[in-house]
């Protein structure tokens, strides 16, 4: 039995319409409805839950300090309850809007509604939303972008801006335009069957998705039919600076993303600006977001370059390109005169020599652009919490995770672990083997820790003396509420790799427990 001793806690076809109800307040409406999806042109479509019939869901755009209202309507024809979580948003003073079913709210039953009301306090950057029920996050997912100003938002909404357009200024960086690249996964299996497999007695591990999708599209095994839209093609102008916003709406795999012949400068991780760092690829794990700047070349109209994804941290083929996780960038000088193009074949010429890319990516080299509160790192912790997570087989042959030796009964391989934290706070140490506080309490492996809301715990090589490992995180618990801390690999989470922090419960409104209708659930008018 391997233990996971992991943590010490010290683009889219339709532009989404929102209502600007009053200055600084934006209202959105999500209709959770079933659609028949076949995003990789396979021989079979699968019924799936979507937002407003779209996959990925519509782009939400807002401005720092906006007040947000999102009305979630679960279609009465659906046979399951649902919820929507806004990943990376602090939810200061709005714990009941966090969207974690069974923890911060009741799941939204078919035919019911839930109103999320919150303010984006002092946050900008790349976020996303996804369901927090079962494996619904495969298809209930979409970008959530927060800007410094209304001017930046309006500029970013316009693709293929004129050459005379002023640059977008966001934080310390300027660029001409931006594009969103949302990566996700697709199984040739009904979501209900997959969830039942994860929680049932026949579970022995997941072989992973059949396809990797970019902005909801891929092509399985070079299948090409008239109805197949092909791989995603992203149009760029020559000789311009673009911000590419990568969203890891993944639920299982860890990927490296690269664009041959285009240098990338990393500027953002998980909604936090970092000092510019040249990278040859972007590491995406479930829940992570990253922004890079690229300078496009002086290429002729119609020039094409692949966007490639490859496996990371998978012993049998780490560094190998995925079977179909590709897209293309196309150079165009005037989009109005460029015909639609369908590419149903994967790239022929791909770079080699990526097999030896080291674990850990460039996280140790990243430096926050803006200094944080030094007290978070230097102050003596008021609480020391050790979480030891271990995969266990129960007497009924089902698989669950033990958290500190206990199994949470209502909930419900590889040793990488991802933790979605209660807010952005810094990883500041990590190590191999079992964590021993007396020996490791003063260990610091990050010179200038970066605030993140997803922390990667890298698996140790199988031949080391001390397998697995630990990550040390400091959390500044300044936001009353009940906050889940969980693995962001969905399979692991629904198998029980989740705990809840209750922060200052005496300051909480008890309406979640006493009257869920008053706390967001909206009754039908009928």
Protein backbone atom coordinates (compact mmCIF):
# COMPACT_ATOMS: atom_id res chain seq x y z
CA UNK A 1 0.00 0.00 0.00
CA UNK A 2 1.45 3.36 -0.98
CA UNK A 3 0.73 6.35 1.20
CA UNK A 4 0.16 9.89 0.06
CA UNK A 5 1.74 11.88 2.83
CA UNK A 6 1.22 15.11 1.15
CA UNK A 7 0.48 18.30 2.90
CA UNK A 8 1.40 20.32 5.90
CA UNK A 9 -0.83 23.31 6.23
CA UNK A 10 0.79 25.93 8.22
CA UNK A 11 -13.01 31.35 -29.08
CA UNK A 12 -16.18 30.11 -28.48
CA UNK A 13 -19.12 30.25 -30.87
CA UNK A 14 -21.38 32.45 -28.78
CA UNK A 15 -20.43 35.59 -26.87
CA UNK A 16 -22.18 35.27 -23.53
CA UNK A 17 -24.57 38.11 -22.76
CA UNK A 18 -24.68 39.55 -19.28
CA UNK A 19 -26.76 42.27 -17.69
CA UNK A 20 -24.96 45.25 -16.21
CA UNK A 21 -27.61 45.91 -13.58
CA UNK A 22 -25.87 48.86 -11.98
CA UNK A 23 -22.38 50.27 -12.04
CA UNK A 24 -20.00 47.53 -10.90
CA UNK A 25 -22.65 44.78 -10.84
CA UNK A 26 -22.86 42.08 -13.49
CA UNK A 27 -25.56 39.45 -13.76
CA UNK A 28 -25.22 36.18 -15.64
CA UNK A 29 -27.59 33.28 -16.13
CA UNK A 30 -26.56 29.64 -16.48
CA UNK A 31 -29.06 27.10 -17.73
CA UNK A 32 -27.74 23.63 -16.96
CA UNK A 33 -29.17 21.52 -19.74
CA UNK A 34 -28.40 18.23 -21.39
CA UNK A 35 -26.86 18.04 -24.85
CA UNK A 36 -25.52 15.25 -27.03
CA UNK A 37 -21.77 15.85 -27.30
CA UNK A 38 -19.17 14.38 -29.63
CA UNK A 39 -16.25 16.83 -29.30
CA UNK A 40 -13.64 14.48 -30.82
CA UNK A 41 -15.61 13.27 -33.86
CA UNK A 42 -15.88 9.74 -32.48
CA UNK A 43 -18.50 7.33 -33.75
CA UNK A 44 -20.70 7.92 -30.69
CA UNK A 45 -22.18 10.97 -29.03
CA UNK A 46 -22.84 11.05 -25.29
CA UNK A 47 -25.53 12.88 -23.32
CA UNK A 48 -23.77 15.48 -21.18
CA UNK A 49 -24.64 18.44 -18.99
CA UNK A 50 -23.73 21.83 -20.44
CA UNK A 51 -24.06 25.52 -19.62
CA UNK A 52 -26.58 27.15 -21.96
CA UNK A 53 -26.10 24.28 -24.40
CA UNK A 54 -22.44 25.20 -24.95
CA UNK A 55 -19.25 23.23 -24.37
CA UNK A 56 -17.07 24.71 -23.12
CA UNK A 57 -19.41 27.06 -21.35
CA UNK A 58 -19.64 30.79 -22.12
CA UNK A 59 -16.83 33.14 -21.16
CA UNK A 60 -17.49 35.24 -18.08
CA UNK A 61 -15.70 38.58 -18.09
CA UNK A 62 -15.65 41.00 -15.17
CA UNK A 63 -13.61 43.81 -13.64
CA UNK A 64 -11.80 43.86 -10.31
CA UNK A 65 -14.13 44.65 -7.39
CA UNK A 66 -17.26 44.02 -9.47
CA UNK A 67 -20.27 42.59 -7.74
CA UNK A 68 -21.35 39.38 -9.47
CA UNK A 69 -24.67 37.58 -9.59
CA UNK A 70 -24.92 34.23 -11.35
CA UNK A 71 -28.29 32.52 -11.45
CA UNK A 72 -27.92 28.75 -11.93
CA UNK A 73 -31.02 27.02 -13.31
CA UNK A 74 -30.98 23.23 -13.33
CA UNK A 75 -33.27 22.10 -16.14
CA UNK A 76 -36.23 20.10 -14.91
CA UNK A 77 -35.53 17.40 -17.51
CA UNK A 78 -32.15 16.61 -15.95
CA UNK A 79 -32.11 13.57 -13.70
CA UNK A 80 -29.29 14.78 -11.44
CA UNK A 81 -28.55 17.64 -9.08
CA UNK A 82 -25.70 20.02 -9.81
CA UNK A 83 -23.64 22.99 -8.60
CA UNK A 84 -21.13 25.48 -10.02
CA UNK A 85 -17.89 26.56 -8.32
CA UNK A 86 -15.90 29.66 -9.33
CA UNK A 87 -12.37 28.38 -9.12
CA UNK A 88 -9.80 30.72 -7.60
CA UNK A 89 -12.24 33.43 -6.49
CA UNK A 90 -11.63 34.25 -2.82
CA UNK A 91 -15.32 34.60 -1.87
CA UNK A 92 -14.55 36.98 0.97
CA UNK A 93 -17.72 37.18 3.04
CA UNK A 94 -19.66 35.00 0.59
CA UNK A 95 -18.91 31.42 1.63
CA UNK A 96 -22.38 30.32 0.56
CA UNK A 97 -21.58 31.36 -3.03
CA UNK A 98 -18.57 29.02 -3.34
CA UNK A 99 -20.62 26.37 -5.13
CA UNK A 100 -19.36 23.21 -3.42
CA UNK A 101 -22.37 20.92 -3.14
CA UNK A 102 -22.78 19.28 0.25
CA UNK A 103 -20.41 21.74 1.95
CA UNK A 104 -21.36 25.35 1.17
CA UNK A 105 -24.78 24.69 -0.32
CA UNK A 106 -27.31 22.02 -1.08
CA UNK A 107 -26.96 20.59 -4.58
CA UNK A 108 -29.37 22.21 -7.01
CA UNK A 109 -32.11 19.69 -7.76
CA UNK A 110 -33.69 19.38 -11.22
CA UNK A 111 -36.13 22.22 -11.77
CA UNK A 112 -34.57 24.35 -9.04
CA UNK A 113 -32.40 27.46 -9.09
CA UNK A 114 -29.55 28.92 -7.06
CA UNK A 115 -28.38 32.52 -7.00
CA UNK A 116 -24.66 33.11 -6.44
CA UNK A 117 -23.93 36.62 -5.18
CA UNK A 118 -20.36 37.69 -4.47
CA UNK A 119 -17.79 40.42 -5.02
CA UNK A 120 -14.42 39.98 -6.72
CA UNK A 121 -12.27 41.73 -4.13
CA UNK A 122 -8.83 42.87 -5.30
CA UNK A 123 -8.40 40.02 -7.78
CA UNK A 124 -7.54 40.03 -11.46
CA UNK A 125 -6.36 37.33 -13.80
CA UNK A 126 -7.38 34.00 -15.29
CA UNK A 127 -9.96 31.88 -13.48
CA UNK A 128 -12.63 29.42 -14.51
CA UNK A 129 -15.84 27.83 -13.29
CA UNK A 130 -16.78 24.18 -13.10
CA UNK A 131 -19.31 21.87 -11.52
CA UNK A 132 -18.59 20.42 -8.10
CA UNK A 133 -20.81 17.33 -8.32
CA UNK A 134 -19.43 13.94 -9.39
CA UNK A 135 -17.68 14.10 -12.76
CA UNK A 136 -19.91 16.86 -14.13
CA UNK A 137 -16.82 19.09 -14.33
CA UNK A 138 -15.96 17.27 -17.58
CA UNK A 139 -18.49 19.45 -19.41
CA UNK A 140 -19.82 22.07 -16.98
CA UNK A 141 -16.80 24.33 -17.26
CA UNK A 142 -15.83 27.65 -18.78
CA UNK A 143 -13.45 30.62 -18.54
CA UNK A 144 -13.83 33.40 -15.97
CA UNK A 145 -11.54 36.35 -16.75
CA UNK A 146 -11.16 39.33 -14.41
CA UNK A 147 -9.63 42.58 -15.71
CA UNK A 148 -8.11 45.65 -14.12
CA UNK A 149 -10.49 47.99 -15.96
CA UNK A 150 -13.57 48.15 -18.13
CA UNK A 151 -11.39 49.44 -20.96
CA UNK A 152 -9.25 46.29 -20.87
CA UNK A 153 -12.36 44.10 -20.81
CA UNK A 154 -13.87 45.77 -23.87
CA UNK A 155 -10.59 45.60 -25.79
CA UNK A 156 -10.11 41.92 -24.93
CA UNK A 157 -13.58 41.03 -26.21
CA UNK A 158 -12.66 42.16 -29.71
CA UNK A 159 -10.71 39.65 -31.76
CA UNK A 160 -8.40 40.81 -34.54
CA UNK A 161 -8.15 44.43 -33.42
CA UNK A 162 -7.07 47.04 -35.94
CA UNK A 163 -3.40 47.88 -36.16
CA UNK A 164 -3.99 51.30 -34.64
CA UNK A 165 -5.60 49.91 -31.49
CA UNK A 166 -3.94 50.84 -28.21
CA UNK A 167 -2.33 48.01 -26.30
CA UNK A 168 -4.14 46.33 -23.44
CA UNK A 169 -2.56 47.17 -20.08
CA UNK A 170 -3.11 44.54 -17.38
CA UNK A 171 -1.01 44.71 -14.24
CA UNK A 172 2.61 45.40 -15.25
CA UNK A 173 2.20 43.96 -18.76
CA UNK A 174 1.07 45.34 -22.13
CA UNK A 175 -0.06 43.33 -25.14
CA UNK A 176 -2.06 43.74 -28.33
CA UNK A 177 -4.68 41.02 -27.98
CA UNK A 178 -5.41 37.89 -25.99
CA UNK A 179 -6.65 34.38 -26.64
CA UNK A 180 -8.04 31.72 -24.29
CA UNK A 181 -6.80 28.13 -24.56
CA UNK A 182 -8.89 25.88 -22.33
CA UNK A 183 -7.67 22.29 -22.06
CA UNK A 184 -9.96 19.48 -20.96
CA UNK A 185 -10.45 15.73 -21.33
CA UNK A 186 -13.04 13.44 -22.86
CA UNK A 187 -13.99 9.83 -22.13
CA UNK A 188 -15.90 7.55 -24.48
CA UNK A 189 -18.12 6.55 -21.61
CA UNK A 190 -21.30 7.77 -19.96
CA UNK A 191 -20.42 10.00 -17.02
CA UNK A 192 -22.72 8.00 -14.77
CA UNK A 193 -20.93 4.76 -15.65
CA UNK A 194 -17.53 6.31 -15.01
CA UNK A 195 -18.55 7.70 -11.65
CA UNK A 196 -20.01 4.33 -10.68
CA UNK A 197 -16.74 2.66 -11.70
CA UNK A 198 -14.70 5.03 -9.49
CA UNK A 199 -16.88 4.28 -6.49
CA UNK A 200 -17.62 0.62 -7.17
CA UNK A 201 -15.95 -2.70 -6.28
CA UNK A 202 -14.32 -3.21 -9.69
CA UNK A 203 -12.13 -0.10 -9.60
CA UNK A 204 -8.43 -0.83 -10.21
CA UNK A 205 -7.36 2.50 -11.69
CA UNK A 206 -8.27 4.79 -14.56
CA UNK A 207 -6.45 4.51 -17.88
CA UNK A 208 -7.23 8.15 -18.57
CA UNK A 209 -9.25 10.00 -21.18
CA UNK A 210 -9.70 8.93 -24.78
CA UNK A 211 -9.09 12.46 -26.01
CA UNK A 212 -7.51 15.72 -24.89
CA UNK A 213 -9.51 18.75 -26.01
CA UNK A 214 -8.48 22.32 -26.78
CA UNK A 215 -11.41 24.72 -26.47
CA UNK A 216 -13.73 21.72 -26.59
CA UNK A 217 -12.41 20.12 -29.78
CA UNK A 218 -10.16 17.32 -30.97
CA UNK A 219 -10.14 14.55 -33.56
CA UNK A 220 -10.05 10.93 -32.45
CA UNK A 221 -7.81 8.66 -34.56
CA UNK A 222 -7.79 10.96 -37.60
CA UNK A 223 -11.49 10.42 -38.13
CA UNK A 224 -12.76 12.91 -40.68
CA UNK A 225 -16.41 13.36 -41.58
CA UNK A 226 -18.36 16.28 -43.00
CA UNK A 227 -19.79 17.03 -39.57
CA UNK A 228 -16.41 16.97 -37.83
CA UNK A 229 -15.19 20.55 -37.17
CA UNK A 230 -11.60 19.39 -36.78
CA UNK A 231 -8.97 20.67 -34.39
CA UNK A 232 -9.24 24.14 -32.88
CA UNK A 233 -7.56 26.81 -35.01
CA UNK A 234 -6.59 30.09 -33.33
CA UNK A 235 -6.01 33.05 -35.63
CA UNK A 236 -3.18 35.47 -34.86
CA UNK A 237 -1.80 38.49 -36.67
CA UNK A 238 1.90 38.75 -37.50
CA UNK A 239 4.26 41.02 -35.58
CA UNK A 240 2.08 41.45 -32.52
CA UNK A 241 2.25 40.59 -28.83
CA UNK A 242 -0.43 38.18 -27.63
CA UNK A 243 -1.41 37.08 -24.16
CA UNK A 244 -2.35 33.41 -24.21
CA UNK A 245 -4.46 32.47 -21.21
CA UNK A 246 -4.10 28.72 -20.57
CA UNK A 247 -6.79 27.08 -18.44
CA UNK A 248 -6.24 23.58 -17.05
CA UNK A 249 -9.88 22.51 -16.97
CA UNK A 250 -8.43 19.00 -16.80
CA UNK A 251 -9.77 16.44 -14.36
CA UNK A 252 -7.13 13.71 -14.54
CA UNK A 253 -3.90 14.22 -16.52
CA UNK A 254 -0.92 16.55 -16.13
CA UNK A 255 0.16 18.02 -19.47
CA UNK A 256 2.94 20.07 -20.99
CA UNK A 257 1.85 22.54 -23.68
CA UNK A 258 4.22 23.87 -26.33
CA UNK A 259 4.06 25.94 -29.53
CA UNK A 260 7.04 25.27 -31.82
CA UNK A 261 8.94 28.30 -33.15
CA UNK A 262 7.27 30.66 -30.68
CA UNK A 263 9.00 31.78 -27.50
CA UNK A 264 6.79 32.10 -24.46
CA UNK A 265 7.23 34.43 -21.49
CA UNK A 266 5.32 33.35 -18.40
CA UNK A 267 3.58 36.26 -16.62
CA UNK A 268 0.76 34.77 -14.51
CA UNK A 269 0.00 31.68 -12.45
CA UNK A 270 -3.40 31.13 -10.78
CA UNK A 271 -4.41 34.78 -10.90
CA UNK A 272 -1.06 36.07 -9.58
CA UNK A 273 1.37 38.03 -11.73
CA UNK A 274 4.93 36.73 -11.74
CA UNK A 275 8.16 38.30 -12.88
CA UNK A 276 8.64 37.47 -16.57
CA UNK A 277 10.28 34.11 -17.16
CA UNK A 278 11.10 32.53 -20.52
CA UNK A 279 9.66 29.00 -20.82
CA UNK A 280 9.64 26.42 -23.59
CA UNK A 281 6.38 24.89 -22.40
CA UNK A 282 3.56 25.48 -19.96
CA UNK A 283 2.80 22.85 -17.35
CA UNK A 284 -0.94 22.43 -16.85
CA UNK A 285 -2.37 20.32 -14.08
CA UNK A 286 -6.04 20.09 -13.10
CA UNK A 287 -7.16 23.50 -11.90
CA UNK A 288 -4.03 25.47 -12.84
CA UNK A 289 -4.15 28.58 -15.00
CA UNK A 290 -1.21 30.35 -16.62
CA UNK A 291 -0.68 33.29 -18.95
CA UNK A 292 2.19 33.73 -21.37
CA UNK A 293 3.15 36.49 -23.79
CA UNK A 294 4.25 35.53 -27.28
CA UNK A 295 5.63 37.74 -30.03
CA UNK A 296 4.26 36.57 -33.36
CA UNK A 297 6.62 36.39 -36.30
CA UNK A 298 6.60 37.95 -39.73
CA UNK A 299 4.80 35.04 -41.37
CA UNK A 300 2.62 35.06 -44.46
CA UNK A 301 -1.14 34.65 -44.38
CA UNK A 302 -2.13 31.03 -43.90
CA UNK A 303 1.08 29.96 -42.14
CA UNK A 304 0.23 27.24 -39.62
CA UNK A 305 1.96 26.09 -36.44
CA UNK A 306 0.83 23.25 -34.16
CA UNK A 307 -0.05 23.60 -30.51
CA UNK A 308 1.07 20.33 -28.91
CA UNK A 309 0.34 18.64 -25.60
CA UNK A 310 2.35 15.84 -24.05
CA UNK A 311 2.16 13.70 -20.94
CA UNK A 312 4.03 14.64 -17.78
CA UNK A 313 4.70 12.43 -14.76
CA UNK A 314 3.40 9.21 -16.33
CA UNK A 315 6.12 6.55 -16.01
CA UNK A 316 5.29 4.62 -19.16
CA UNK A 317 5.34 7.55 -21.59
CA UNK A 318 6.26 10.78 -19.84
CA UNK A 319 7.30 13.25 -22.52
CA UNK A 320 5.34 11.52 -25.28
CA UNK A 321 2.83 13.62 -27.15
CA UNK A 322 -0.82 12.87 -26.46
CA UNK A 323 -2.66 11.03 -29.20
CA UNK A 324 -4.84 13.95 -30.18
CA UNK A 325 -4.38 16.88 -27.78
CA UNK A 326 -3.50 19.37 -30.49
CA UNK A 327 -4.58 22.61 -32.05
CA UNK A 328 -3.13 25.10 -34.51
CA UNK A 329 -2.33 28.77 -34.73
CA UNK A 330 -2.89 30.34 -38.12
CA UNK A 331 -1.41 33.61 -39.29
CA UNK A 332 -3.91 36.04 -40.81
CA UNK A 333 -3.60 39.73 -41.58
CA UNK A 334 -7.29 40.33 -42.16
CA UNK A 335 -9.70 37.83 -40.69
CA UNK A 336 -12.58 39.09 -42.81
CA UNK A 337 -10.90 37.72 -45.92
CA UNK A 338 -9.63 34.42 -44.51
CA UNK A 339 -11.86 31.40 -45.23
CA UNK A 340 -12.90 28.93 -42.58
CA UNK A 341 -10.49 26.02 -42.37
CA UNK A 342 -11.00 22.49 -41.08
CA UNK A 343 -7.97 20.43 -40.05
CA UNK A 344 -8.75 16.84 -39.14
CA UNK A 345 -5.20 15.45 -39.06
CA UNK A 346 -2.74 15.82 -36.22
CA UNK A 347 0.55 17.64 -36.81
CA UNK A 348 3.15 15.76 -38.84
CA UNK A 349 6.24 17.69 -37.75
CA UNK A 350 6.61 17.93 -33.99
CA UNK A 351 9.74 18.70 -31.99
CA UNK A 352 11.69 15.88 -30.40
CA UNK A 353 13.87 15.73 -27.33
CA UNK A 354 11.23 16.62 -24.73
CA UNK A 355 11.47 13.35 -22.84
CA UNK A 356 13.96 14.65 -20.27
CA UNK A 357 12.03 17.68 -19.04
CA UNK A 358 12.43 17.61 -15.26
CA UNK A 359 9.73 17.31 -12.66
CA UNK A 360 8.80 20.52 -11.00
CA UNK A 361 8.70 22.60 -14.17
CA UNK A 362 9.84 26.17 -13.35
CA UNK A 363 7.94 26.63 -10.10
CA UNK A 364 11.17 27.03 -8.12
CA UNK A 365 12.29 29.79 -10.49
CA UNK A 366 9.09 31.83 -10.29
CA UNK A 367 9.01 35.07 -8.34
CA UNK A 368 5.86 37.03 -7.54
CA UNK A 369 5.74 40.38 -9.30
CA UNK A 370 4.15 42.07 -6.32
CA UNK A 371 5.42 41.38 -2.82
CA UNK A 372 3.00 39.71 -0.44
CA UNK A 373 2.57 40.09 3.29
CA UNK A 374 5.88 38.96 4.84
CA UNK A 375 4.06 38.05 8.05
CA UNK A 376 2.44 35.10 6.29
CA UNK A 377 5.87 33.56 5.87
CA UNK A 378 7.66 34.72 9.00
CA UNK A 379 5.06 34.59 11.77
CA UNK A 380 4.86 31.59 14.07
CA UNK A 381 1.92 29.41 13.00
CA UNK A 382 -1.02 29.30 15.37
CA UNK A 383 -2.01 25.83 14.17
CA UNK A 384 -0.03 23.00 12.62
CA UNK A 385 -2.16 20.54 10.69
CA UNK A 386 -0.75 17.42 9.10
CA UNK A 387 -2.78 15.68 6.42
CA UNK A 388 -1.76 12.15 5.53
CA UNK A 389 -3.74 10.71 2.63
CA UNK A 390 -3.67 7.03 1.79
CA UNK A 391 -5.50 4.94 -0.77
CA UNK A 392 -7.33 2.03 0.85
CA UNK A 393 -9.42 -0.93 -0.28
CA UNK A 394 -12.44 -1.48 1.94
CA UNK A 395 -14.03 -4.84 2.88
CA UNK A 396 -16.60 -4.43 0.09
CA UNK A 397 -13.68 -4.04 -2.37
CA UNK A 398 -14.41 -0.38 -3.03
CA UNK A 399 -11.58 2.16 -3.09
CA UNK A 400 -11.49 5.22 -0.86
CA UNK A 401 -8.91 7.63 0.52
CA UNK A 402 -8.10 7.72 4.20
CA UNK A 403 -7.41 11.18 5.57
CA UNK A 404 -5.29 10.85 8.70
CA UNK A 405 -6.42 7.24 8.95
CA UNK A 406 -10.14 7.99 8.70
CA UNK A 407 -12.57 7.46 5.86
CA UNK A 408 -15.42 9.88 5.36
CA UNK A 409 -18.20 7.41 4.63
CA UNK A 410 -20.62 9.59 2.65
CA UNK A 411 -18.02 10.17 -0.07
CA UNK A 412 -18.38 7.72 -2.35
CA UNK A 413 -2.38 4.30 -8.90
CA UNK A 414 -0.48 7.07 -9.28
CA UNK A 415 0.96 9.10 -6.47
CA UNK A 416 0.80 12.62 -7.86
CA UNK A 417 -1.44 14.77 -5.73
CA UNK A 418 -3.10 18.10 -6.34
CA UNK A 419 -4.61 20.21 -3.63
CA UNK A 420 -7.16 22.91 -4.28
CA UNK A 421 -6.67 25.24 -1.35
CA UNK A 422 -9.08 27.51 0.46
CA UNK A 423 -7.39 30.59 -1.02
CA UNK A 424 -4.18 31.65 -2.71
CA UNK A 425 -1.35 31.08 -0.23
CA UNK A 426 2.25 30.12 -0.73
CA UNK A 427 3.92 26.74 -0.96
CA UNK A 428 7.20 27.33 0.81
CA UNK A 429 8.69 23.87 1.32
CA UNK A 430 8.57 20.32 0.01
CA UNK A 431 10.45 17.08 0.51
CA UNK A 432 10.56 13.33 0.02
CA UNK A 433 9.22 10.63 2.28
CA UNK A 434 7.23 11.11 5.49
CA UNK A 435 7.00 14.60 6.96
CA UNK A 436 8.55 14.87 10.42
CA UNK A 437 7.78 18.23 11.96
CA UNK A 438 10.69 18.23 14.38
CA UNK A 439 13.12 17.57 11.53
CA UNK A 440 11.40 19.48 8.74
CA UNK A 441 9.73 22.45 10.44
CA UNK A 442 12.45 24.89 9.36
CA UNK A 443 12.87 23.54 5.83
CA UNK A 444 12.38 26.19 3.14
CA UNK A 445 12.82 25.17 -0.49
CA UNK A 446 11.27 28.28 -2.07
CA UNK A 447 13.25 31.50 -1.80
CA UNK A 448 10.29 33.74 -2.61
CA UNK A 449 7.11 31.63 -2.47
CA UNK A 450 4.42 32.18 -5.03
CA UNK A 451 0.76 32.45 -4.10
CA UNK A 452 -1.20 29.66 -5.81
CA UNK A 453 -4.59 28.03 -5.34
CA UNK A 454 -3.50 24.65 -6.73
CA UNK A 455 -0.35 22.96 -5.42
CA UNK A 456 1.32 20.10 -7.24
CA UNK A 457 2.81 17.33 -5.12
CA UNK A 458 5.24 15.56 -7.41
CA UNK A 459 5.62 11.81 -7.13
CA UNK A 460 9.05 10.53 -6.15
CA UNK A 461 10.72 8.03 -8.52
CA UNK A 462 9.73 4.47 -7.72
CA UNK A 463 13.31 3.40 -7.01
CA UNK A 464 14.05 5.96 -4.28
CA UNK A 465 14.44 4.92 -0.67
CA UNK A 466 11.74 7.30 0.56
CA UNK A 467 8.78 7.23 -1.87
CA UNK A 468 6.03 9.83 -2.14
CA UNK A 469 6.64 13.16 -0.45
CA UNK A 470 5.15 16.20 1.20
CA UNK A 471 4.36 19.84 0.52
CA UNK A 472 4.20 22.52 3.18
CA UNK A 473 1.71 25.35 2.75
CA UNK A 474 0.96 28.36 4.89
CA UNK A 475 -2.65 29.46 4.96
CA UNK A 476 -3.77 32.83 6.26
CA UNK A 477 -7.25 31.95 7.45
CA UNK A 478 -8.90 35.35 7.34
CA UNK A 479 -12.21 34.46 5.72
CA UNK A 480 -14.94 32.87 7.90
CA UNK A 481 -16.58 29.87 6.30
CA UNK A 482 -16.46 26.16 5.64
CA UNK A 483 -13.82 25.64 2.96
CA UNK A 484 -12.97 22.38 1.17
CA UNK A 485 -9.32 21.38 0.74
CA UNK A 486 -9.21 18.58 -1.80
CA UNK A 487 -7.39 16.84 -4.58
CA UNK A 488 -8.24 18.40 -7.94
CA UNK A 489 -8.03 15.07 -9.73
CA UNK A 490 -11.77 14.43 -9.78
CA UNK A 491 -11.45 10.68 -9.40
CA UNK A 492 -9.48 11.14 -6.17
CA UNK A 493 -11.82 13.77 -4.80
CA UNK A 494 -14.97 11.71 -5.14
CA UNK A 495 -13.10 8.77 -3.60
CA UNK A 496 -12.68 10.88 -0.47
CA UNK A 497 -9.48 12.89 -0.86
CA UNK A 498 -11.08 15.95 0.66
CA UNK A 499 -11.25 17.64 4.05
CA UNK A 500 -13.06 20.75 5.24
CA UNK A 501 -11.66 23.69 7.18
CA UNK A 502 -14.17 25.43 9.42
CA UNK A 503 -12.92 28.97 9.93
CA UNK A 504 -14.40 31.16 12.70
CA UNK A 505 -17.76 29.35 12.75
CA UNK A 506 -19.05 31.75 15.40
CA UNK A 507 -19.02 34.48 12.75
CA UNK A 508 -21.03 32.50 10.22
CA UNK A 509 -24.65 33.05 9.40
CA UNK A 510 -26.39 29.73 10.12
CA UNK A 511 -28.83 30.17 7.25
CA UNK A 512 -27.11 27.49 5.14
CA UNK A 513 -28.20 24.86 7.60
CA UNK A 514 -31.50 26.36 8.73
CA UNK A 515 -32.97 27.75 5.53
CA UNK A 516 -31.21 26.89 2.29
CA UNK A 517 -33.92 28.58 0.23
CA UNK A 518 -33.13 31.92 1.86
CA UNK A 519 -29.44 31.32 1.28
CA UNK A 520 -29.49 31.03 -2.44
CA UNK A 521 -31.84 28.24 -3.45
CA UNK A 522 -34.72 29.82 -5.32
CA UNK A 523 -38.12 28.21 -5.45
CA UNK A 524 -39.98 27.93 -8.75
CA UNK A 525 -42.78 30.36 -9.36
CA UNK A 526 -45.10 27.47 -10.21
